[in-house]
Amino acid sequence: MKRASGSSLAAASFEALARVRRKLHEQAVAPKARQQAPHKPKVPADGVMLFRRAVADAVPLPPSDRAEIRHPRPKPIAHQRQADERQVLVDALADPWDWDAAVATGEELFFARPGVPTAAMRKLRRGGWVIKAELDLHGHTGDEARVALAAFLNRCMLEDRRCVRIIHGKGHGSKNRLPVLKNKVRHWLMQREDVLAFCQARTVDGGAGAVVVLLKSSTR
């Protein structure tokens, strides 16, 4: 029995000694391993690298499918409109005034340029021309009526409206009940080269309070 106990004690002692040796060996080897393979901190990826990875599989669009950014073009200058406005001012200011004719009463408006056929005038007085546009000058002062008439005739020429009517009134509301505006309209129309003829309107079209005007054709 004593021999068995002695053998067991010896075996336990050798095993404990072996564990101590392994522990010492591990502690001796660990610092060397750390020195040979030092730990390197991981560098975080930057934004450019992440973007490149994200679009690595992208395929560029062909030139025909690319969107083109164009700057808006400046609005064109209305040169024709500016010219028309200047012409209106010229027509409005170039107006000699005949006072003796302005105070005349009872005179029918009638005018025809040389070369206008008699048949065309007869047709105008009988209402054979279709009236394409109309201007009402009621409530206008002399200067306002002059500018409005010039602008109206310019527009009619641009739109090739051959026959138009201008309502000037009978002058019942003017000073001394004289048809001042009526006679002004007559002189203004006679100054316009684009006016071929004019005459007093028929009773159904305004009578003595209106005038029917025949204009040149703007297409010729």
Protein backbone atom coordinates (compact mmCIF):
# COMPACT_ATOMS: atom_id res chain seq x y z
CA MET A 1 0.00 0.00 0.00
CA LYS A 2 2.80 2.44 0.83
CA ARG A 3 4.48 1.79 -2.53
CA ALA A 4 1.25 2.57 -4.36
CA SER A 5 0.86 5.83 -2.47
CA GLY A 6 4.44 6.81 -3.21
CA SER A 7 4.00 6.09 -6.95
CA SER A 8 0.79 8.19 -7.10
CA LEU A 9 2.47 11.11 -5.39
CA ALA A 10 5.42 10.94 -7.75
CA ALA A 11 3.15 10.93 -10.84
CA ALA A 12 1.19 13.92 -9.58
CA SER A 13 4.41 15.80 -8.90
CA PHE A 14 5.75 15.14 -12.42
CA GLU A 15 2.45 16.30 -13.98
CA ALA A 16 2.45 19.53 -11.95
CA LEU A 17 6.04 20.15 -12.93
CA ALA A 18 5.19 19.65 -16.60
CA ARG A 19 2.37 22.21 -16.40
CA VAL A 20 4.72 24.75 -14.86
CA ARG A 21 7.28 24.20 -17.61
CA ARG A 22 4.63 24.67 -20.38
CA LYS A 23 3.43 27.88 -18.73
CA LEU A 24 6.94 29.23 -18.53
CA HIS A 25 7.56 28.30 -22.15
CA GLU A 26 4.42 30.06 -23.35
CA GLN A 27 5.31 33.20 -21.44
CA ALA A 28 8.78 33.19 -22.94
CA VAL A 29 7.56 32.66 -26.55
CA ALA A 30 4.70 35.22 -26.50
CA PRO A 31 6.85 38.43 -26.39
CA LYS A 32 8.96 37.16 -29.28
CA ALA A 33 5.87 36.52 -31.40
CA ARG A 34 4.60 40.03 -30.66
CA GLN A 35 7.95 41.52 -31.66
CA GLN A 36 8.13 39.55 -34.93
CA ALA A 37 4.55 40.38 -36.05
CA PRO A 38 3.61 43.75 -34.59
CA HIS A 39 -0.07 44.66 -34.81
CA LYS A 40 -0.83 47.26 -37.52
CA PRO A 41 -3.90 49.42 -37.02
CA LYS A 42 -6.45 49.24 -39.88
CA VAL A 43 -6.61 52.44 -41.92
CA PRO A 44 -10.20 53.53 -42.53
CA ALA A 45 -11.18 53.93 -46.19
CA ASP A 46 -11.72 57.53 -47.34
CA GLY A 47 -14.74 58.91 -49.24
CA VAL A 48 -13.07 58.85 -52.66
CA MET A 49 -12.21 55.17 -52.30
CA LEU A 50 -15.73 54.32 -51.19
CA PHE A 51 -17.20 56.22 -54.17
CA ARG A 52 -14.93 54.45 -56.62
CA ARG A 53 -15.93 51.10 -55.21
CA ALA A 54 -19.60 52.04 -55.46
CA VAL A 55 -19.42 53.07 -59.14
CA ALA A 56 -16.94 50.43 -60.23
CA ASP A 57 -19.60 48.59 -62.24
CA ALA A 58 -21.17 51.73 -63.81
CA VAL A 59 -21.20 52.02 -67.62
CA PRO A 60 -20.84 55.51 -69.19
CA LEU A 61 -23.79 56.69 -71.30
CA PRO A 62 -23.25 57.17 -75.04
CA PRO A 63 -22.95 60.80 -76.20
CA SER A 64 -26.47 60.80 -77.71
CA ASP A 65 -28.07 60.00 -74.33
CA ARG A 66 -26.31 62.66 -72.34
CA ALA A 67 -28.25 65.63 -71.14
CA GLU A 68 -27.03 68.97 -72.43
CA ILE A 69 -27.47 71.99 -70.20
CA ARG A 70 -28.20 75.01 -72.31
CA HIS A 71 -28.33 78.56 -71.08
CA PRO A 72 -31.60 80.32 -71.89
CA ARG A 73 -31.39 82.57 -74.89
CA PRO A 74 -32.05 86.26 -74.34
CA LYS A 75 -35.43 87.45 -75.52
CA PRO A 76 -35.28 88.92 -79.02
CA ILE A 77 -35.61 92.66 -79.28
CA ALA A 78 -38.84 93.68 -80.98
CA HIS A 79 -37.19 95.95 -83.55
CA GLN A 80 -40.33 96.11 -85.67
CA ARG A 81 -42.41 97.15 -82.69
CA GLN A 82 -39.92 99.85 -81.79
CA ALA A 83 -39.98 101.10 -85.38
CA ASP A 84 -43.78 101.16 -85.32
CA GLU A 85 -43.79 103.13 -82.08
CA ARG A 86 -41.35 105.64 -83.52
CA GLN A 87 -43.51 105.94 -86.62
CA VAL A 88 -46.54 106.58 -84.43
CA LEU A 89 -44.73 109.48 -82.79
CA VAL A 90 -43.71 110.88 -86.16
CA ASP A 91 -47.23 110.60 -87.50
CA ALA A 92 -48.64 112.11 -84.33
CA LEU A 93 -46.38 115.18 -84.39
CA ALA A 94 -46.27 115.89 -88.14
CA ASP A 95 -49.74 117.35 -88.37
CA PRO A 96 -50.31 120.82 -89.83
CA TRP A 97 -53.56 122.25 -88.57
CA ASP A 98 -55.99 124.22 -90.69
CA TRP A 99 -58.30 126.09 -88.32
CA ASP A 100 -60.55 127.38 -91.09
CA ALA A 101 -61.27 123.86 -92.22
CA ALA A 102 -61.77 122.76 -88.62
CA VAL A 103 -64.67 125.11 -88.03
CA ALA A 104 -66.39 124.28 -91.31
CA THR A 105 -69.73 122.55 -90.84
CA GLY A 106 -72.09 120.60 -93.00
CA GLU A 107 -69.31 119.27 -95.22
CA GLU A 108 -69.35 115.61 -96.15
CA LEU A 109 -66.04 113.81 -95.74
CA PHE A 110 -64.80 112.72 -99.13
CA PHE A 111 -61.31 112.20 -100.53
CA ALA A 112 -59.68 110.18 -103.30
CA ARG A 113 -56.08 110.21 -104.45
CA PRO A 114 -55.32 110.62 -108.14
CA GLY A 115 -55.50 107.30 -109.92
CA VAL A 116 -58.16 105.72 -107.69
CA PRO A 117 -60.84 104.32 -110.03
CA THR A 118 -64.27 105.90 -109.92
CA ALA A 119 -65.80 102.46 -109.58
CA ALA A 120 -63.79 101.86 -106.39
CA MET A 121 -65.05 105.13 -104.90
CA ARG A 122 -68.63 104.33 -105.84
CA LYS A 123 -68.24 100.94 -104.20
CA LEU A 124 -66.81 102.58 -101.07
CA ARG A 125 -69.68 105.06 -100.72
CA ARG A 126 -72.29 102.33 -101.23
CA GLY A 127 -70.77 100.07 -98.58
CA GLY A 128 -69.50 97.49 -101.04
CA TRP A 129 -66.20 97.03 -99.20
CA VAL A 130 -66.20 94.75 -96.17
CA ILE A 131 -65.09 96.69 -93.08
CA LYS A 132 -62.23 94.74 -91.52
CA ALA A 133 -61.43 96.91 -88.48
CA GLU A 134 -62.86 99.81 -86.49
CA LEU A 135 -61.53 102.60 -84.27
CA ASP A 136 -63.76 104.57 -81.89
CA LEU A 137 -62.35 107.97 -80.91
CA HIS A 138 -65.15 108.92 -78.51
CA GLY A 139 -63.74 110.41 -75.30
CA HIS A 140 -60.30 111.16 -76.80
CA THR A 141 -58.67 114.56 -76.75
CA GLY A 142 -57.15 115.88 -79.97
CA ASP A 143 -53.64 114.62 -79.12
CA GLU A 144 -54.93 111.26 -77.90
CA ALA A 145 -57.00 110.80 -81.05
CA ARG A 146 -54.04 111.64 -83.29
CA VAL A 147 -51.78 109.01 -81.67
CA ALA A 148 -54.56 106.41 -81.57
CA LEU A 149 -55.38 106.95 -85.26
CA ALA A 150 -51.74 106.66 -86.35
CA ALA A 151 -51.24 103.43 -84.36
CA PHE A 152 -54.51 102.01 -85.69
CA LEU A 153 -53.62 102.64 -89.35
CA ASN A 154 -50.12 101.22 -88.89
CA ARG A 155 -51.55 98.04 -87.42
CA CYS A 156 -54.13 97.74 -90.22
CA MET A 157 -51.38 98.04 -92.82
CA LEU A 158 -49.35 95.29 -91.16
CA GLU A 159 -52.40 93.02 -91.09
CA ASP A 160 -53.46 94.02 -94.64
CA ARG A 161 -56.90 95.29 -93.62
CA ARG A 162 -57.98 97.28 -96.68
CA CYS A 163 -61.26 98.82 -95.52
CA VAL A 164 -61.69 100.26 -92.01
CA ARG A 165 -64.09 102.53 -90.16
CA ILE A 166 -63.18 105.39 -87.84
CA ILE A 167 -65.84 106.73 -85.50
CA HIS A 168 -65.12 110.37 -84.67
CA GLY A 169 -68.55 111.50 -83.51
CA LYS A 170 -70.70 114.38 -84.68
CA GLY A 171 -69.22 116.96 -82.34
CA HIS A 172 -72.36 117.54 -80.28
CA GLY A 173 -70.34 117.39 -77.08
CA SER A 174 -67.54 119.74 -78.20
CA LYS A 175 -67.25 123.47 -77.62
CA ASN A 176 -69.77 125.42 -79.69
CA ARG A 177 -71.03 122.02 -80.91
CA LEU A 178 -68.55 122.11 -83.80
CA PRO A 179 -67.24 118.86 -85.41
CA VAL A 180 -63.62 119.69 -84.58
CA LEU A 181 -62.46 116.06 -84.29
CA LYS A 182 -64.23 115.17 -87.53
CA ASN A 183 -62.21 117.71 -89.47
CA LYS A 184 -58.99 116.76 -87.70
CA VAL A 185 -59.51 113.17 -88.78
CA ARG A 186 -60.00 114.33 -92.36
CA HIS A 187 -56.66 116.18 -92.39
CA TRP A 188 -54.81 113.37 -90.66
CA LEU A 189 -56.09 110.86 -93.22
CA MET A 190 -55.13 113.08 -96.15
CA GLN A 191 -51.52 113.19 -94.88
CA ARG A 192 -51.18 109.41 -94.89
CA GLU A 193 -49.77 107.99 -98.13
CA ASP A 194 -51.27 104.60 -97.32
CA VAL A 195 -54.79 106.11 -97.44
CA LEU A 196 -56.22 105.81 -100.96
CA ALA A 197 -59.63 107.27 -100.26
CA PHE A 198 -62.25 107.87 -97.60
CA CYS A 199 -65.84 109.01 -97.38
CA GLN A 200 -68.59 109.54 -94.85
CA ALA A 201 -70.12 106.31 -93.63
CA ARG A 202 -73.60 105.23 -94.58
CA THR A 203 -76.38 105.93 -92.11
CA VAL A 204 -76.40 102.31 -90.94
CA ASP A 205 -72.62 102.50 -90.40
CA GLY A 206 -72.60 105.74 -88.39
CA GLY A 207 -73.51 108.43 -90.90
CA ALA A 208 -71.93 111.82 -90.23
CA GLY A 209 -70.28 110.47 -87.07
CA ALA A 210 -67.96 108.04 -88.88
CA VAL A 211 -65.72 107.73 -91.91
CA VAL A 212 -64.91 104.69 -94.04
CA VAL A 213 -61.29 104.49 -95.21
CA LEU A 214 -59.77 102.52 -98.09
CA LEU A 215 -56.11 101.65 -97.54
CA LYS A 216 -53.39 100.46 -99.89
CA SER A 217 -52.68 96.77 -100.07
CA SER A 218 -49.62 95.93 -97.98
CA THR A 219 -48.97 92.77 -100.05
CA ARG A 220 -48.14 94.63 -103.24
